[in-house]
N, C-alpha and C. Protein backbone atom coordinates (compact mmCIF):
# COMPACT_ATOMS: atom_id res chain seq x y z
N MET A 1 14.09 49.70 100.71
CA MET A 1 14.94 48.79 100.00
C MET A 1 15.20 49.35 98.61
N THR A 2 16.45 49.33 98.23
CA THR A 2 16.83 49.87 96.93
C THR A 2 17.10 48.72 95.96
N ARG A 3 16.80 49.01 94.71
CA ARG A 3 17.01 48.00 93.67
C ARG A 3 18.38 48.20 93.03
N PRO A 4 18.98 47.09 92.58
CA PRO A 4 20.27 47.22 91.89
C PRO A 4 20.08 47.95 90.56
N PRO A 5 21.11 48.62 90.08
CA PRO A 5 20.98 49.33 88.79
C PRO A 5 20.68 48.34 87.66
N GLY A 6 19.86 48.75 86.71
CA GLY A 6 19.51 47.92 85.56
C GLY A 6 18.41 46.92 85.86
N PHE A 7 17.92 46.90 87.08
CA PHE A 7 16.86 45.97 87.44
C PHE A 7 15.51 46.59 87.10
N ARG A 8 14.68 45.82 86.45
CA ARG A 8 13.33 46.30 86.12
C ARG A 8 12.32 45.37 86.76
N ALA A 9 11.25 45.92 87.04
CA ALA A 9 10.19 45.11 87.62
C ALA A 9 9.60 44.20 86.55
N ARG A 10 9.12 43.05 86.93
CA ARG A 10 8.56 42.08 86.00
C ARG A 10 7.31 42.59 85.30
N ARG A 11 6.60 43.47 85.90
CA ARG A 11 5.34 43.92 85.29
C ARG A 11 5.57 44.68 84.00
N HIS A 12 6.77 45.22 83.76
CA HIS A 12 7.05 45.92 82.50
C HIS A 12 7.29 44.93 81.36
N GLN A 13 7.59 43.70 81.67
CA GLN A 13 7.89 42.71 80.63
C GLN A 13 6.74 41.73 80.43
N ALA A 14 5.64 41.97 81.01
CA ALA A 14 4.51 41.05 80.90
C ALA A 14 4.07 40.93 79.45
N GLY A 15 4.01 39.70 78.91
CA GLY A 15 3.56 39.46 77.53
C GLY A 15 4.66 39.49 76.49
N ALA A 16 5.87 39.87 76.83
CA ALA A 16 6.96 39.93 75.85
C ALA A 16 7.30 38.54 75.32
N MET A 17 7.28 37.56 76.17
CA MET A 17 7.59 36.20 75.74
C MET A 17 6.52 35.69 74.78
N LEU A 18 5.27 36.04 75.03
CA LEU A 18 4.18 35.62 74.14
C LEU A 18 4.38 36.21 72.74
N ILE A 19 4.79 37.45 72.66
CA ILE A 19 5.03 38.09 71.36
C ILE A 19 6.20 37.40 70.65
N GLU A 20 7.25 37.05 71.37
CA GLU A 20 8.38 36.35 70.78
C GLU A 20 7.96 35.00 70.22
N VAL A 21 7.13 34.29 70.95
CA VAL A 21 6.65 32.99 70.48
C VAL A 21 5.79 33.16 69.23
N LEU A 22 4.92 34.15 69.21
CA LEU A 22 4.07 34.38 68.05
C LEU A 22 4.90 34.75 66.82
N VAL A 23 5.92 35.56 66.99
CA VAL A 23 6.79 35.94 65.88
C VAL A 23 7.54 34.71 65.37
N SER A 24 8.03 33.87 66.27
CA SER A 24 8.75 32.67 65.83
C SER A 24 7.81 31.69 65.11
N ILE A 25 6.57 31.58 65.55
CA ILE A 25 5.59 30.74 64.84
C ILE A 25 5.31 31.30 63.46
N LEU A 26 5.22 32.60 63.34
CA LEU A 26 4.99 33.24 62.04
C LEU A 26 6.16 32.95 61.09
N ILE A 27 7.38 33.10 61.56
CA ILE A 27 8.55 32.83 60.73
C ILE A 27 8.59 31.36 60.32
N PHE A 28 8.30 30.47 61.25
CA PHE A 28 8.27 29.04 60.97
C PHE A 28 7.21 28.73 59.92
N SER A 29 6.04 29.37 60.02
CA SER A 29 4.96 29.14 59.06
C SER A 29 5.36 29.55 57.65
N PHE A 30 6.04 30.70 57.53
CA PHE A 30 6.52 31.12 56.21
C PHE A 30 7.52 30.12 55.65
N GLY A 31 8.36 29.57 56.49
CA GLY A 31 9.32 28.56 56.05
C GLY A 31 8.63 27.31 55.54
N VAL A 32 7.60 26.86 56.25
CA VAL A 32 6.86 25.68 55.83
C VAL A 32 6.14 25.94 54.51
N LEU A 33 5.55 27.11 54.36
CA LEU A 33 4.89 27.46 53.09
C LEU A 33 5.89 27.49 51.94
N ALA A 34 7.07 27.98 52.18
CA ALA A 34 8.10 28.01 51.14
C ALA A 34 8.49 26.59 50.74
N LEU A 35 8.61 25.69 51.71
CA LEU A 35 8.95 24.30 51.40
C LEU A 35 7.84 23.62 50.60
N VAL A 36 6.59 23.91 50.93
CA VAL A 36 5.47 23.33 50.17
C VAL A 36 5.51 23.83 48.73
N GLY A 37 5.77 25.10 48.54
CA GLY A 37 5.88 25.65 47.18
C GLY A 37 7.05 25.05 46.41
N LEU A 38 8.16 24.84 47.09
CA LEU A 38 9.33 24.22 46.45
C LEU A 38 9.01 22.79 46.04
N GLN A 39 8.35 22.06 46.90
CA GLN A 39 7.98 20.67 46.57
C GLN A 39 7.05 20.64 45.36
N SER A 40 6.13 21.56 45.29
CA SER A 40 5.22 21.63 44.15
C SER A 40 5.99 21.90 42.86
N SER A 41 6.93 22.81 42.90
CA SER A 41 7.75 23.11 41.72
C SER A 41 8.59 21.92 41.31
N MET A 42 9.14 21.22 42.29
CA MET A 42 9.96 20.05 41.99
C MET A 42 9.12 18.94 41.35
N THR A 43 7.90 18.76 41.82
CA THR A 43 7.02 17.73 41.25
C THR A 43 6.68 18.06 39.81
N ARG A 44 6.39 19.33 39.53
CA ARG A 44 6.10 19.76 38.16
C ARG A 44 7.30 19.51 37.26
N ALA A 45 8.48 19.89 37.72
CA ALA A 45 9.70 19.72 36.92
C ALA A 45 10.00 18.24 36.68
N GLN A 46 9.78 17.42 37.68
CA GLN A 46 10.02 15.98 37.55
C GLN A 46 9.06 15.36 36.53
N THR A 47 7.80 15.77 36.58
CA THR A 47 6.81 15.26 35.62
C THR A 47 7.18 15.67 34.21
N GLU A 48 7.60 16.91 34.05
CA GLU A 48 8.00 17.41 32.72
C GLU A 48 9.20 16.63 32.20
N ALA A 49 10.19 16.38 33.05
CA ALA A 49 11.37 15.63 32.65
C ALA A 49 11.00 14.19 32.28
N GLN A 50 10.09 13.60 33.01
CA GLN A 50 9.65 12.24 32.72
C GLN A 50 8.96 12.17 31.36
N LEU A 51 8.11 13.14 31.07
CA LEU A 51 7.42 13.16 29.77
C LEU A 51 8.40 13.40 28.63
N ARG A 52 9.38 14.27 28.85
CA ARG A 52 10.40 14.52 27.83
C ARG A 52 11.21 13.25 27.55
N ALA A 53 11.59 12.54 28.60
CA ALA A 53 12.34 11.30 28.44
C ALA A 53 11.50 10.25 27.71
N GLU A 54 10.23 10.17 28.03
CA GLU A 54 9.35 9.22 27.36
C GLU A 54 9.21 9.55 25.88
N ALA A 55 9.08 10.84 25.55
CA ALA A 55 8.99 11.26 24.15
C ALA A 55 10.28 10.90 23.40
N SER A 56 11.40 11.14 24.03
CA SER A 56 12.69 10.80 23.42
C SER A 56 12.80 9.30 23.17
N PHE A 57 12.40 8.51 24.16
CA PHE A 57 12.44 7.06 24.02
C PHE A 57 11.56 6.60 22.87
N LEU A 58 10.34 7.14 22.79
CA LEU A 58 9.42 6.74 21.73
C LEU A 58 9.96 7.10 20.35
N ALA A 59 10.55 8.28 20.22
CA ALA A 59 11.12 8.69 18.93
C ALA A 59 12.28 7.78 18.55
N ASN A 60 13.12 7.45 19.52
CA ASN A 60 14.26 6.56 19.23
C ASN A 60 13.78 5.14 18.93
N GLU A 61 12.69 4.74 19.55
CA GLU A 61 12.15 3.40 19.30
C GLU A 61 11.70 3.24 17.85
N ILE A 62 10.97 4.22 17.33
CA ILE A 62 10.51 4.11 15.95
C ILE A 62 11.67 4.29 14.98
N THR A 63 12.64 5.09 15.34
CA THR A 63 13.83 5.24 14.49
C THR A 63 14.56 3.91 14.38
N ALA A 64 14.72 3.20 15.49
CA ALA A 64 15.37 1.89 15.46
C ALA A 64 14.56 0.91 14.62
N ARG A 65 13.25 0.98 14.73
CA ARG A 65 12.39 0.11 13.94
C ARG A 65 12.57 0.40 12.45
N MET A 66 12.69 1.68 12.13
CA MET A 66 12.87 2.07 10.73
C MET A 66 14.24 1.63 10.21
N TRP A 67 15.25 1.64 11.07
CA TRP A 67 16.56 1.13 10.67
C TRP A 67 16.47 -0.33 10.27
N SER A 68 15.65 -1.09 11.00
CA SER A 68 15.52 -2.51 10.68
C SER A 68 14.73 -2.74 9.40
N GLU A 69 13.96 -1.75 8.96
CA GLU A 69 13.19 -1.83 7.71
C GLU A 69 13.61 -0.72 6.77
N ALA A 70 14.88 -0.53 6.61
CA ALA A 70 15.39 0.61 5.83
C ALA A 70 14.92 0.60 4.38
N THR A 71 14.61 -0.57 3.85
CA THR A 71 14.15 -0.62 2.45
C THR A 71 12.68 -0.23 2.33
N ASN A 72 11.96 -0.16 3.44
CA ASN A 72 10.53 0.18 3.42
C ASN A 72 10.25 1.52 4.10
N LEU A 73 11.12 2.47 3.99
CA LEU A 73 10.92 3.76 4.66
C LEU A 73 9.66 4.48 4.21
N SER A 74 9.28 4.28 2.96
CA SER A 74 8.10 4.98 2.44
C SER A 74 6.82 4.57 3.18
N PHE A 75 6.80 3.38 3.81
CA PHE A 75 5.62 2.94 4.56
C PHE A 75 5.41 3.77 5.83
N TYR A 76 6.43 4.51 6.25
CA TYR A 76 6.35 5.28 7.49
C TYR A 76 6.02 6.75 7.25
N ASN A 77 5.96 7.17 6.01
CA ASN A 77 5.82 8.58 5.69
C ASN A 77 4.38 9.07 5.82
N GLY A 78 4.19 10.09 6.65
CA GLY A 78 2.92 10.82 6.76
C GLY A 78 1.70 9.95 6.95
N ALA A 79 0.70 10.15 6.05
CA ALA A 79 -0.60 9.46 6.16
C ALA A 79 -0.48 7.98 5.84
N VAL A 80 0.53 7.58 5.08
CA VAL A 80 0.73 6.17 4.73
C VAL A 80 1.02 5.35 5.98
N CYS A 81 1.52 6.01 7.00
CA CYS A 81 1.90 5.35 8.25
C CYS A 81 0.75 4.58 8.87
N SER A 82 -0.47 5.11 8.77
CA SER A 82 -1.61 4.45 9.41
C SER A 82 -1.94 3.12 8.76
N ALA A 83 -1.50 2.89 7.51
CA ALA A 83 -1.76 1.63 6.83
C ALA A 83 -0.69 0.58 7.14
N HIS A 84 0.43 1.00 7.69
CA HIS A 84 1.54 0.09 8.02
C HIS A 84 1.44 -0.26 9.51
N ALA A 85 1.24 -1.53 9.81
CA ALA A 85 0.95 -1.97 11.19
C ALA A 85 1.99 -1.52 12.22
N PRO A 86 3.29 -1.69 11.99
CA PRO A 86 4.25 -1.25 13.02
C PRO A 86 4.20 0.26 13.28
N CYS A 87 3.98 1.02 12.23
CA CYS A 87 3.92 2.47 12.38
C CYS A 87 2.66 2.89 13.14
N GLN A 88 1.53 2.27 12.81
CA GLN A 88 0.29 2.60 13.51
C GLN A 88 0.36 2.16 14.97
N ALA A 89 1.01 1.03 15.23
CA ALA A 89 1.18 0.58 16.62
C ALA A 89 2.01 1.59 17.40
N TRP A 90 3.03 2.16 16.76
CA TRP A 90 3.85 3.18 17.42
C TRP A 90 3.02 4.43 17.70
N ARG A 91 2.22 4.86 16.74
CA ARG A 91 1.36 6.03 16.96
C ARG A 91 0.39 5.80 18.12
N ASP A 92 -0.17 4.60 18.19
CA ASP A 92 -1.07 4.28 19.30
C ASP A 92 -0.33 4.30 20.63
N LYS A 93 0.91 3.84 20.62
CA LYS A 93 1.72 3.83 21.84
C LYS A 93 2.01 5.26 22.29
N VAL A 94 2.32 6.14 21.35
CA VAL A 94 2.56 7.55 21.68
C VAL A 94 1.30 8.15 22.30
N ALA A 95 0.16 7.86 21.70
CA ALA A 95 -1.11 8.42 22.20
C ALA A 95 -1.45 7.90 23.59
N SER A 96 -1.06 6.65 23.88
CA SER A 96 -1.41 6.08 25.18
C SER A 96 -0.42 6.46 26.29
N GLN A 97 0.84 6.73 25.94
CA GLN A 97 1.84 6.97 26.97
C GLN A 97 2.10 8.45 27.26
N LEU A 98 1.66 9.32 26.39
CA LEU A 98 1.85 10.76 26.62
C LEU A 98 0.48 11.44 26.63
N PRO A 99 0.30 12.44 27.49
CA PRO A 99 -0.99 13.15 27.51
C PRO A 99 -1.22 13.92 26.20
N ASN A 100 -2.30 13.58 25.52
CA ASN A 100 -2.60 14.16 24.20
C ASN A 100 -1.44 13.95 23.23
N GLY A 101 -0.82 12.79 23.30
CA GLY A 101 0.36 12.50 22.49
C GLY A 101 0.04 12.23 21.04
N VAL A 102 0.87 12.80 20.16
CA VAL A 102 0.73 12.61 18.71
C VAL A 102 2.13 12.40 18.16
N GLY A 103 2.29 11.35 17.37
CA GLY A 103 3.57 11.08 16.73
C GLY A 103 3.43 11.20 15.23
N THR A 104 4.37 11.91 14.59
CA THR A 104 4.36 12.03 13.13
C THR A 104 5.75 11.73 12.61
N ILE A 105 5.78 11.20 11.39
CA ILE A 105 7.04 10.84 10.75
C ILE A 105 7.02 11.43 9.34
N ALA A 106 8.11 12.08 8.99
CA ALA A 106 8.27 12.61 7.63
C ALA A 106 9.52 11.99 7.03
N VAL A 107 9.36 11.35 5.88
CA VAL A 107 10.48 10.71 5.19
C VAL A 107 10.74 11.49 3.91
N ASN A 108 11.96 11.96 3.75
CA ASN A 108 12.37 12.69 2.56
C ASN A 108 13.65 12.02 2.05
N GLY A 109 13.46 11.04 1.18
CA GLY A 109 14.61 10.25 0.73
C GLY A 109 15.12 9.40 1.88
N ALA A 110 16.37 9.63 2.28
CA ALA A 110 16.95 8.90 3.41
C ALA A 110 16.85 9.70 4.71
N ASN A 111 16.40 10.95 4.62
CA ASN A 111 16.23 11.77 5.82
C ASN A 111 14.89 11.47 6.47
N VAL A 112 14.94 11.15 7.73
CA VAL A 112 13.73 10.82 8.48
C VAL A 112 13.61 11.78 9.65
N THR A 113 12.46 12.44 9.76
CA THR A 113 12.20 13.34 10.88
C THR A 113 11.04 12.78 11.68
N VAL A 114 11.30 12.50 12.94
CA VAL A 114 10.28 11.98 13.85
C VAL A 114 9.93 13.09 14.83
N THR A 115 8.66 13.40 14.92
CA THR A 115 8.18 14.45 15.83
C THR A 115 7.16 13.85 16.79
N VAL A 116 7.39 14.09 18.07
CA VAL A 116 6.46 13.64 19.10
C VAL A 116 5.96 14.88 19.83
N GLN A 117 4.65 15.04 19.91
CA GLN A 117 4.04 16.18 20.59
C GLN A 117 3.15 15.69 21.72
N TRP A 118 3.11 16.46 22.78
CA TRP A 118 2.23 16.16 23.91
C TRP A 118 1.89 17.44 24.62
N GLN A 119 0.91 17.37 25.47
CA GLN A 119 0.47 18.54 26.22
C GLN A 119 0.72 18.27 27.70
N HIS A 120 1.41 19.18 28.33
CA HIS A 120 1.75 19.01 29.75
C HIS A 120 0.70 19.67 30.62
N GLY A 121 0.08 18.88 31.50
CA GLY A 121 -0.89 19.43 32.45
C GLY A 121 -2.23 19.74 31.82
N GLN A 122 -3.18 20.12 32.69
CA GLN A 122 -4.50 20.51 32.23
C GLN A 122 -4.41 21.84 31.50
N GLY A 123 -4.66 21.84 30.22
CA GLY A 123 -4.62 23.08 29.46
C GLY A 123 -3.23 23.67 29.37
N GLY A 124 -2.21 22.83 29.56
CA GLY A 124 -0.83 23.31 29.55
C GLY A 124 -0.30 23.52 28.15
N GLU A 125 0.95 23.88 28.10
CA GLU A 125 1.59 24.17 26.81
C GLU A 125 1.82 22.90 26.01
N GLN A 126 1.80 23.05 24.71
CA GLN A 126 2.11 21.95 23.80
C GLN A 126 3.63 21.80 23.77
N ARG A 127 4.12 20.61 24.01
CA ARG A 127 5.56 20.32 23.99
C ARG A 127 5.87 19.49 22.76
N THR A 128 7.08 19.66 22.22
CA THR A 128 7.47 18.95 21.01
C THR A 128 8.89 18.42 21.15
N TYR A 129 9.08 17.18 20.74
CA TYR A 129 10.41 16.59 20.65
C TYR A 129 10.59 16.15 19.20
N THR A 130 11.65 16.61 18.55
CA THR A 130 11.89 16.28 17.15
C THR A 130 13.31 15.74 17.00
N THR A 131 13.43 14.68 16.22
CA THR A 131 14.75 14.13 15.91
C THR A 131 14.81 13.84 14.42
N THR A 132 15.95 14.09 13.84
CA THR A 132 16.17 13.83 12.42
C THR A 132 17.32 12.86 12.27
N THR A 133 17.11 11.87 11.43
CA THR A 133 18.09 10.80 11.24
C THR A 133 18.27 10.52 9.76
N LEU A 134 19.45 10.14 9.38
CA LEU A 134 19.73 9.71 8.02
C LEU A 134 19.77 8.18 8.02
N ILE A 135 18.82 7.57 7.34
CA ILE A 135 18.74 6.10 7.30
C ILE A 135 18.98 5.65 5.87
N THR A 136 20.03 4.90 5.69
CA THR A 136 20.35 4.38 4.36
C THR A 136 20.25 2.87 4.39
N PRO A 137 19.63 2.29 3.37
CA PRO A 137 19.53 0.82 3.31
C PRO A 137 20.93 0.20 3.21
N ALA A 138 21.08 -0.93 3.85
CA ALA A 138 22.39 -1.61 3.85
C ALA A 138 22.64 -2.30 2.55
């Protein structure tokens, strides 16, 4: 009995399908690992954005408070801030809402600079948000 041209016996292909399955599992595994890494990066970026937004909100909150007390800007300047209840409450809020959060205010005449600092992650970099505003009494 003669075989048709191009026909091969099955014994030459034994195990080929197993190798194809193993290669496809390997490729799939790399894809899953890449997705896990991407999710980790996205979570880090989202946390960083959330902290930045919180710092911005806190700086704008104290700036609005200072606008309402424009005649008492000197109470918010540097070390004097801890003696003024609204300013100290803001500093405490910064410390409680941001990791290693510190809020400072510098008043130079009508120019007000609010700086909020925090540390992102365990032993991470120090981040800073600074805003400068001109506040004039009405």
